[in-house]
Amino acid sequence: MSLAGQTALVTGGSKGIGRAICLALAKEGANIIIASRNESEIKETMDKLKEMGSKSLAIQADVRSEEDVRRLISMTIDKCGKLDILINNAGVAYKRRLEETTLEEYEKIIDTNLKGVFLCTKYAIPYIRESKNGKIINISSVGGLHGLPEFSVYCASKFGVNGITESIASELEGEIKVYAVCPGAVDTDMYRSLFSNRPSLKPEHIAEKVLELASPDSKVTSGKIIEIQAPPVPQL
């Protein structure tokens, strides 16, 4: 497998699943564009990529902002000349009963998790269409497959991501392959801020699946919604 010479844009790429995806794609030779709102966390990921000898670029951008997203895509093309792979990974969550959820929290979740996917995909499509290995991979959640108590708005956003994935896969059939990856509980800062336990599924497990889908050799049918759960515990 090789992604040498390809350019991958990863939103929310500064930590957790996003960082693991950046490192996995860079290991296979991809040029990495990291988009994140947090400048200090971007630097930490950039340092790791530079240690690997990866050609990479950090762009501070808020996927909720159309202006930021247009600038993000424009800078990617200006600096790299092309865009082959888009990973829509940026996301937020709050653990709230519905009646306790504020409108501000609702808007932040929907605007980041769903509107962000819409905006990044909309403005990236014309450039990814020119690639021989055009891929759009949306990081969704098992919360986009099953409603979870105290996560109604988060689940609504991720159900929406899965719906967009299936719809645009049909719209772009034969041009760009589109997938959604739905992890279960993953050991990330966001998960640990919401729950007390530490799950066995790691960001690297998600990155492995993304790398498989991003590969030019991938045979996975476009439009697939792929659930990833923790690996089974070996029986003694």
C-alpha atoms as a PDB file:
ATOM      1  CA  MET A   1       0.000   0.000   0.000  1.00  0.00           C
ATOM      2  CA  SER A   2       1.338   3.447  -0.858  1.00  0.00           C
ATOM      3  CA  LEU A   3      -0.113   6.944  -0.741  1.00  0.00           C
ATOM      4  CA  ALA A   4       3.098   8.574  -1.964  1.00  0.00           C
ATOM      5  CA  GLY A   5       2.443  11.909  -3.640  1.00  0.00           C
ATOM      6  CA  GLN A   6      -1.161  12.105  -2.491  1.00  0.00           C
ATOM      7  CA  THR A   7      -2.546  14.945  -0.410  1.00  0.00           C
ATOM      8  CA  ALA A   8      -4.869  14.216   2.510  1.00  0.00           C
ATOM      9  CA  LEU A   9      -6.790  16.845   4.471  1.00  0.00           C
ATOM     10  CA  VAL A  10      -7.768  15.796   7.999  1.00  0.00           C
ATOM     11  CA  THR A  11     -10.131  18.013  10.002  1.00  0.00           C
ATOM     12  CA  GLY A  12      -9.793  17.799  13.767  1.00  0.00           C
ATOM     13  CA  GLY A  13      -6.358  16.364  13.069  1.00  0.00           C
ATOM     14  CA  SER A  14      -4.571  17.771  16.099  1.00  0.00           C
ATOM     15  CA  LYS A  15      -5.322  14.992  18.599  1.00  0.00           C
ATOM     16  CA  GLY A  16      -7.073  11.683  19.269  1.00  0.00           C
ATOM     17  CA  ILE A  17      -8.464   9.854  16.251  1.00  0.00           C
ATOM     18  CA  GLY A  18      -7.509  12.709  13.926  1.00  0.00           C
ATOM     19  CA  ARG A  19      -3.855  12.638  14.998  1.00  0.00           C
ATOM     20  CA  ALA A  20      -3.698   8.858  14.634  1.00  0.00           C
ATOM     21  CA  ILE A  21      -5.126   9.155  11.108  1.00  0.00           C
ATOM     22  CA  CYS A  22      -2.578  11.830  10.162  1.00  0.00           C
ATOM     23  CA  LEU A  23       0.302   9.658  11.349  1.00  0.00           C
ATOM     24  CA  ALA A  24      -1.023   6.522   9.633  1.00  0.00           C
ATOM     25  CA  LEU A  25      -1.488   8.260   6.275  1.00  0.00           C
ATOM     26  CA  ALA A  26       1.892  10.004   6.535  1.00  0.00           C
ATOM     27  CA  LYS A  27       3.600   6.674   7.211  1.00  0.00           C
ATOM     28  CA  GLU A  28       2.360   5.553   3.786  1.00  0.00           C
ATOM     29  CA  GLY A  29       3.781   8.661   2.119  1.00  0.00           C
ATOM     30  CA  ALA A  30       0.796  11.025   1.983  1.00  0.00           C
ATOM     31  CA  ASN A  31       1.236  14.777   2.315  1.00  0.00           C
ATOM     32  CA  ILE A  32      -0.873  15.829   5.294  1.00  0.00           C
ATOM     33  CA  ILE A  33      -2.940  18.985   5.768  1.00  0.00           C
ATOM     34  CA  ILE A  34      -4.079  19.293   9.376  1.00  0.00           C
ATOM     35  CA  ALA A  35      -7.061  21.503  10.122  1.00  0.00           C
ATOM     36  CA  SER A  36      -7.926  22.344  13.719  1.00  0.00           C
ATOM     37  CA  ARG A  37      -9.163  25.207  15.873  1.00  0.00           C
ATOM     38  CA  ASN A  38      -6.448  24.577  18.484  1.00  0.00           C
ATOM     39  CA  GLU A  39      -3.106  25.990  17.361  1.00  0.00           C
ATOM     40  CA  SER A  40      -0.994  24.491  20.176  1.00  0.00           C
ATOM     41  CA  GLU A  41      -2.326  20.971  19.575  1.00  0.00           C
ATOM     42  CA  ILE A  42      -1.687  21.327  15.832  1.00  0.00           C
ATOM     43  CA  LYS A  43       1.984  22.045  16.596  1.00  0.00           C
ATOM     44  CA  GLU A  44       2.335  18.852  18.618  1.00  0.00           C
ATOM     45  CA  THR A  45       0.984  16.759  15.741  1.00  0.00           C
ATOM     46  CA  MET A  46       3.130  18.661  13.228  1.00  0.00           C
ATOM     47  CA  ASP A  47       6.247  17.880  15.268  1.00  0.00           C
ATOM     48  CA  LYS A  48       5.433  14.177  15.114  1.00  0.00           C
ATOM     49  CA  LEU A  49       4.903  14.351  11.352  1.00  0.00           C
ATOM     50  CA  LYS A  50       8.186  16.188  10.821  1.00  0.00           C
ATOM     51  CA  GLU A  51       9.986  13.492  12.801  1.00  0.00           C
ATOM     52  CA  MET A  52       8.601  11.032  10.242  1.00  0.00           C
ATOM     53  CA  GLY A  53       9.871  13.171   7.362  1.00  0.00           C
ATOM     54  CA  SER A  54       6.331  13.901   6.178  1.00  0.00           C
ATOM     55  CA  LYS A  55       5.486  16.926   4.060  1.00  0.00           C
ATOM     56  CA  SER A  56       2.733  18.549   6.095  1.00  0.00           C
ATOM     57  CA  LEU A  57       0.902  21.819   6.613  1.00  0.00           C
ATOM     58  CA  ALA A  58      -1.131  23.066   9.574  1.00  0.00           C
ATOM     59  CA  ILE A  59      -4.074  25.379   9.004  1.00  0.00           C
ATOM     60  CA  GLN A  60      -6.096  26.843  11.858  1.00  0.00           C
ATOM     61  CA  ALA A  61      -9.727  26.676  10.785  1.00  0.00           C
ATOM     62  CA  ASP A  62     -13.198  26.251  12.267  1.00  0.00           C
ATOM     63  CA  VAL A  63     -15.272  23.831  10.173  1.00  0.00           C
ATOM     64  CA  ARG A  64     -18.433  25.615  11.376  1.00  0.00           C
ATOM     65  CA  SER A  65     -17.420  28.698   9.399  1.00  0.00           C
ATOM     66  CA  GLU A  66     -17.987  28.776   5.629  1.00  0.00           C
ATOM     67  CA  GLU A  67     -15.319  31.459   5.294  1.00  0.00           C
ATOM     68  CA  ASP A  68     -12.780  29.333   7.196  1.00  0.00           C
ATOM     69  CA  VAL A  69     -13.577  26.232   5.151  1.00  0.00           C
ATOM     70  CA  ARG A  70     -13.243  28.051   1.839  1.00  0.00           C
ATOM     71  CA  ARG A  71      -9.890  29.426   3.002  1.00  0.00           C
ATOM     72  CA  LEU A  72      -8.835  25.965   4.176  1.00  0.00           C
ATOM     73  CA  ILE A  73      -9.516  24.363   0.791  1.00  0.00           C
ATOM     74  CA  SER A  74      -7.991  27.296  -1.089  1.00  0.00           C
ATOM     75  CA  MET A  75      -4.766  27.154   0.966  1.00  0.00           C
ATOM     76  CA  THR A  76      -4.567  23.389   0.485  1.00  0.00           C
ATOM     77  CA  ILE A  77      -4.697  23.782  -3.294  1.00  0.00           C
ATOM     78  CA  ASP A  78      -2.323  26.766  -3.292  1.00  0.00           C
ATOM     79  CA  LYS A  79       0.298  24.910  -1.232  1.00  0.00           C
ATOM     80  CA  CYS A  80      -0.102  21.362  -2.568  1.00  0.00           C
ATOM     81  CA  GLY A  81      -1.658  21.839  -5.986  1.00  0.00           C
ATOM     82  CA  LYS A  82      -4.267  19.130  -5.420  1.00  0.00           C
ATOM     83  CA  LEU A  83      -6.449  17.272  -2.947  1.00  0.00           C
ATOM     84  CA  ASP A  84      -6.931  13.506  -3.091  1.00  0.00           C
ATOM     85  CA  ILE A  85      -8.383  12.501   0.271  1.00  0.00           C
ATOM     86  CA  LEU A  86     -10.691  14.326   2.681  1.00  0.00           C
ATOM     87  CA  ILE A  87     -11.125  12.984   6.214  1.00  0.00           C
ATOM     88  CA  ASN A  88     -14.034  14.711   7.965  1.00  0.00           C
ATOM     89  CA  ASN A  89     -13.081  13.981  11.550  1.00  0.00           C
ATOM     90  CA  ALA A  90     -13.766  17.161  13.564  1.00  0.00           C
ATOM     91  CA  GLY A  91     -16.437  16.531  16.172  1.00  0.00           C
ATOM     92  CA  VAL A  92     -17.782  17.455  19.599  1.00  0.00           C
ATOM     93  CA  ALA A  93     -20.154  15.863  22.100  1.00  0.00           C
ATOM     94  CA  TYR A  94     -21.979  16.698  25.321  1.00  0.00           C
ATOM     95  CA  LYS A  95     -23.512  14.165  27.672  1.00  0.00           C
ATOM     96  CA  ARG A  96     -26.918  15.663  28.415  1.00  0.00           C
ATOM     97  CA  ARG A  97     -30.528  14.621  28.738  1.00  0.00           C
ATOM     98  CA  LEU A  98     -32.427  16.324  25.936  1.00  0.00           C
ATOM     99  CA  GLU A  99     -34.386  18.664  28.217  1.00  0.00           C
ATOM    100  CA  GLU A 100     -31.105  19.782  29.824  1.00  0.00           C
ATOM    101  CA  THR A 101     -29.388  20.556  26.501  1.00  0.00           C
ATOM    102  CA  THR A 102     -29.068  24.259  25.750  1.00  0.00           C
ATOM    103  CA  LEU A 103     -29.633  25.713  22.310  1.00  0.00           C
ATOM    104  CA  GLU A 104     -25.986  26.818  22.290  1.00  0.00           C
ATOM    105  CA  GLU A 105     -24.848  23.220  22.909  1.00  0.00           C
ATOM    106  CA  TYR A 106     -27.245  21.923  20.257  1.00  0.00           C
ATOM    107  CA  GLU A 107     -25.895  24.374  17.683  1.00  0.00           C
ATOM    108  CA  LYS A 108     -22.259  23.646  18.517  1.00  0.00           C
ATOM    109  CA  ILE A 109     -22.785  19.892  18.071  1.00  0.00           C
ATOM    110  CA  ILE A 110     -24.820  20.125  14.868  1.00  0.00           C
ATOM    111  CA  ASP A 111     -22.657  22.855  13.342  1.00  0.00           C
ATOM    112  CA  THR A 112     -19.393  21.009  14.054  1.00  0.00           C
ATOM    113  CA  ASN A 113     -20.409  17.414  13.401  1.00  0.00           C
ATOM    114  CA  LEU A 114     -22.831  17.863  10.509  1.00  0.00           C
ATOM    115  CA  LYS A 115     -22.520  21.336   9.026  1.00  0.00           C
ATOM    116  CA  GLY A 116     -18.735  20.922   9.099  1.00  0.00           C
ATOM    117  CA  VAL A 117     -18.977  17.753   7.007  1.00  0.00           C
ATOM    118  CA  PHE A 118     -21.326  19.524   4.589  1.00  0.00           C
ATOM    119  CA  LEU A 119     -19.067  22.553   4.143  1.00  0.00           C
ATOM    120  CA  CYS A 120     -15.758  20.701   3.835  1.00  0.00           C
ATOM    121  CA  THR A 121     -17.215  18.175   1.409  1.00  0.00           C
ATOM    122  CA  LYS A 122     -18.973  20.816  -0.690  1.00  0.00           C
ATOM    123  CA  TYR A 123     -15.835  22.859  -1.266  1.00  0.00           C
ATOM    124  CA  ALA A 124     -13.458  19.893  -1.590  1.00  0.00           C
ATOM    125  CA  ILE A 125     -15.431  17.903  -4.187  1.00  0.00           C
ATOM    126  CA  PRO A 126     -14.336  19.881  -7.285  1.00  0.00           C
ATOM    127  CA  TYR A 127     -10.670  19.192  -6.471  1.00  0.00           C
ATOM    128  CA  ILE A 128     -10.998  15.603  -5.231  1.00  0.00           C
ATOM    129  CA  ARG A 129     -12.903  14.842  -8.443  1.00  0.00           C
ATOM    130  CA  GLU A 130      -9.661  15.444 -10.350  1.00  0.00           C
ATOM    131  CA  SER A 131      -7.806  12.753  -8.385  1.00  0.00           C
ATOM    132  CA  LYS A 132      -7.346   9.182  -9.592  1.00  0.00           C
ATOM    133  CA  ASN A 133      -7.799   8.055  -5.978  1.00  0.00           C
ATOM    134  CA  GLY A 134     -10.497  10.463  -4.794  1.00  0.00           C
ATOM    135  CA  LYS A 135     -11.807   9.528  -1.345  1.00  0.00           C
ATOM    136  CA  ILE A 136     -14.045  11.188   1.241  1.00  0.00           C
ATOM    137  CA  ILE A 137     -14.046   9.411   4.594  1.00  0.00           C
ATOM    138  CA  ASN A 138     -16.391  10.674   7.306  1.00  0.00           C
ATOM    139  CA  ILE A 139     -15.682   9.752  10.917  1.00  0.00           C
ATOM    140  CA  SER A 140     -19.121   9.072  12.326  1.00  0.00           C
ATOM    141  CA  SER A 141     -20.011   6.965  15.378  1.00  0.00           C
ATOM    142  CA  VAL A 142     -22.047   4.003  16.566  1.00  0.00           C
ATOM    143  CA  GLY A 143     -24.203   6.849  17.806  1.00  0.00           C
ATOM    144  CA  GLY A 144     -25.108   7.325  14.155  1.00  0.00           C
ATOM    145  CA  LEU A 145     -26.428   3.763  14.026  1.00  0.00           C
ATOM    146  CA  HIS A 146     -28.235   3.504  17.382  1.00  0.00           C
ATOM    147  CA  GLY A 147     -29.726   6.203  19.585  1.00  0.00           C
ATOM    148  CA  LEU A 148     -27.817   6.515  22.876  1.00  0.00           C
ATOM    149  CA  PRO A 149     -29.351   7.917  26.087  1.00  0.00           C
ATOM    150  CA  GLU A 150     -28.040  11.367  27.070  1.00  0.00           C
ATOM    151  CA  PHE A 151     -26.578  11.841  23.579  1.00  0.00           C
ATOM    152  CA  SER A 152     -29.689  12.680  21.551  1.00  0.00           C
ATOM    153  CA  VAL A 153     -28.238  15.679  19.708  1.00  0.00           C
ATOM    154  CA  TYR A 154     -24.880  13.992  19.138  1.00  0.00           C
ATOM    155  CA  CYS A 155     -26.672  10.946  17.732  1.00  0.00           C
ATOM    156  CA  ALA A 156     -28.825  13.157  15.508  1.00  0.00           C
ATOM    157  CA  SER A 157     -25.662  14.728  14.078  1.00  0.00           C
ATOM    158  CA  LYS A 158     -24.045  11.362  13.402  1.00  0.00           C
ATOM    159  CA  PHE A 159     -27.196   9.860  11.857  1.00  0.00           C
ATOM    160  CA  GLY A 160     -27.014  12.901   9.586  1.00  0.00           C
ATOM    161  CA  VAL A 161     -23.376  12.195   8.710  1.00  0.00           C
ATOM    162  CA  ASN A 162     -24.292   8.644   7.695  1.00  0.00           C
ATOM    163  CA  GLY A 163     -27.169   9.948   5.578  1.00  0.00           C
ATOM    164  CA  ILE A 164     -24.935  12.472   3.807  1.00  0.00           C
ATOM    165  CA  THR A 165     -22.393   9.719   3.200  1.00  0.00           C
ATOM    166  CA  GLU A 166     -24.868   7.434   1.460  1.00  0.00           C
ATOM    167  CA  SER A 167     -26.397  10.287  -0.546  1.00  0.00           C
ATOM    168  CA  ILE A 168     -23.178  11.764  -1.903  1.00  0.00           C
ATOM    169  CA  ALA A 169     -21.771   8.301  -2.597  1.00  0.00           C
ATOM    170  CA  SER A 170     -24.649   7.907  -5.060  1.00  0.00           C
ATOM    171  CA  GLU A 171     -24.183  11.435  -6.438  1.00  0.00           C
ATOM    172  CA  LEU A 172     -20.452  10.869  -6.993  1.00  0.00           C
ATOM    173  CA  GLU A 173     -20.585   7.261  -8.179  1.00  0.00           C
ATOM    174  CA  GLY A 174     -17.686   6.545 -10.506  1.00  0.00           C
ATOM    175  CA  GLU A 175     -15.929   9.786  -9.519  1.00  0.00           C
ATOM    176  CA  ILE A 176     -15.159   9.747  -5.789  1.00  0.00           C
ATOM    177  CA  LYS A 177     -15.518   6.956  -3.243  1.00  0.00           C
ATOM    178  CA  VAL A 178     -17.277   7.977  -0.040  1.00  0.00           C
ATOM    179  CA  TYR A 179     -17.384   6.133   3.292  1.00  0.00           C
ATOM    180  CA  ALA A 180     -18.430   6.603   6.916  1.00  0.00           C
ATOM    181  CA  VAL A 181     -16.543   4.944   9.752  1.00  0.00           C
ATOM    182  CA  CYS A 182     -18.578   4.412  12.941  1.00  0.00           C
ATOM    183  CA  PRO A 183     -16.348   3.701  15.943  1.00  0.00           C
ATOM    184  CA  GLY A 184     -17.610   2.432  19.234  1.00  0.00           C
ATOM    185  CA  ALA A 185     -16.037   3.742  22.455  1.00  0.00           C
ATOM    186  CA  VAL A 186     -12.504   4.979  21.696  1.00  0.00           C
ATOM    187  CA  ASP A 187      -9.887   5.962  24.281  1.00  0.00           C
ATOM    188  CA  THR A 188      -9.622   9.690  23.514  1.00  0.00           C
ATOM    189  CA  ASP A 189      -9.652  12.910  25.539  1.00  0.00           C
ATOM    190  CA  MET A 190     -13.243  13.527  24.477  1.00  0.00           C
ATOM    191  CA  TYR A 191     -14.390  10.076  25.599  1.00  0.00           C
ATOM    192  CA  ARG A 192     -12.567  10.378  28.935  1.00  0.00           C
ATOM    193  CA  SER A 193     -14.230  13.759  29.534  1.00  0.00           C
ATOM    194  CA  LEU A 194     -17.620  12.062  29.255  1.00  0.00           C
ATOM    195  CA  PHE A 195     -17.057   8.651  30.875  1.00  0.00           C
ATOM    196  CA  SER A 196     -14.977   7.255  33.744  1.00  0.00           C
ATOM    197  CA  ASN A 197     -13.934   3.965  32.117  1.00  0.00           C
ATOM    198  CA  ARG A 198     -11.121   3.561  29.558  1.00  0.00           C
ATOM    199  CA  PRO A 199     -12.220   1.547  26.522  1.00  0.00           C
ATOM    200  CA  SER A 200      -9.942  -0.946  24.776  1.00  0.00           C
ATOM    201  CA  LEU A 201     -10.529   0.553  21.315  1.00  0.00           C
ATOM    202  CA  LYS A 202      -7.672   2.944  20.515  1.00  0.00           C
ATOM    203  CA  PRO A 203      -7.402   5.788  17.968  1.00  0.00           C
ATOM    204  CA  GLU A 204      -4.922   3.633  16.043  1.00  0.00           C
ATOM    205  CA  HIS A 205      -7.640   1.024  15.428  1.00  0.00           C
ATOM    206  CA  ILE A 206      -9.731   3.660  13.644  1.00  0.00           C
ATOM    207  CA  ALA A 207      -6.701   4.944  11.744  1.00  0.00           C
ATOM    208  CA  GLU A 208      -6.016   1.419  10.438  1.00  0.00           C
ATOM    209  CA  LYS A 209      -9.497   1.223   8.898  1.00  0.00           C
ATOM    210  CA  VAL A 210      -9.220   4.721   7.431  1.00  0.00           C
ATOM    211  CA  LEU A 211      -5.866   3.796   5.906  1.00  0.00           C
ATOM    212  CA  GLU A 212      -7.428   0.700   4.354  1.00  0.00           C
ATOM    213  CA  LEU A 213     -10.230   2.767   2.834  1.00  0.00           C
ATOM    214  CA  ALA A 214      -7.844   5.488   1.625  1.00  0.00           C
ATOM    215  CA  SER A 215      -5.652   2.992  -0.191  1.00  0.00           C
ATOM    216  CA  PRO A 216      -5.785   3.037  -4.016  1.00  0.00           C
ATOM    217  CA  ASP A 217      -6.161  -0.754  -3.739  1.00  0.00           C
ATOM    218  CA  SER A 218      -9.296  -0.614  -1.574  1.00  0.00           C
ATOM    219  CA  LYS A 219     -12.135  -2.773  -2.891  1.00  0.00           C
ATOM    220  CA  VAL A 220     -14.705  -1.540  -0.354  1.00  0.00           C
ATOM    221  CA  THR A 221     -17.875  -0.408  -2.106  1.00  0.00           C
ATOM    222  CA  SER A 222     -18.500   3.337  -2.004  1.00  0.00           C
ATOM    223  CA  GLY A 223     -21.278   4.378   0.363  1.00  0.00           C
ATOM    224  CA  LYS A 224     -20.469   1.783   3.018  1.00  0.00           C
ATOM    225  CA  ILE A 225     -21.179   2.640   6.659  1.00  0.00           C
ATOM    226  CA  ILE A 226     -18.540   0.702   8.596  1.00  0.00           C
ATOM    227  CA  GLU A 227     -18.926  -0.032  12.297  1.00  0.00           C
ATOM    228  CA  ILE A 228     -15.782  -0.617  14.365  1.00  0.00           C
ATOM    229  CA  GLN A 229     -16.030  -2.173  17.795  1.00  0.00           C
ATOM    230  CA  ALA A 230     -13.322  -3.179  20.264  1.00  0.00           C
ATOM    231  CA  PRO A 231     -11.312  -6.277  19.317  1.00  0.00           C
ATOM    232  CA  PRO A 232     -12.367  -9.398  21.222  1.00  0.00           C
ATOM    233  CA  VAL A 233     -10.488 -10.301  24.395  1.00  0.00           C
ATOM    234  CA  PRO A 234      -8.339 -13.400  23.783  1.00  0.00           C
ATOM    235  CA  GLN A 235      -9.620 -16.515  25.538  1.00  0.00           C
ATOM    236  CA  LEU A 236      -7.071 -18.253  27.780  1.00  0.00           C
END
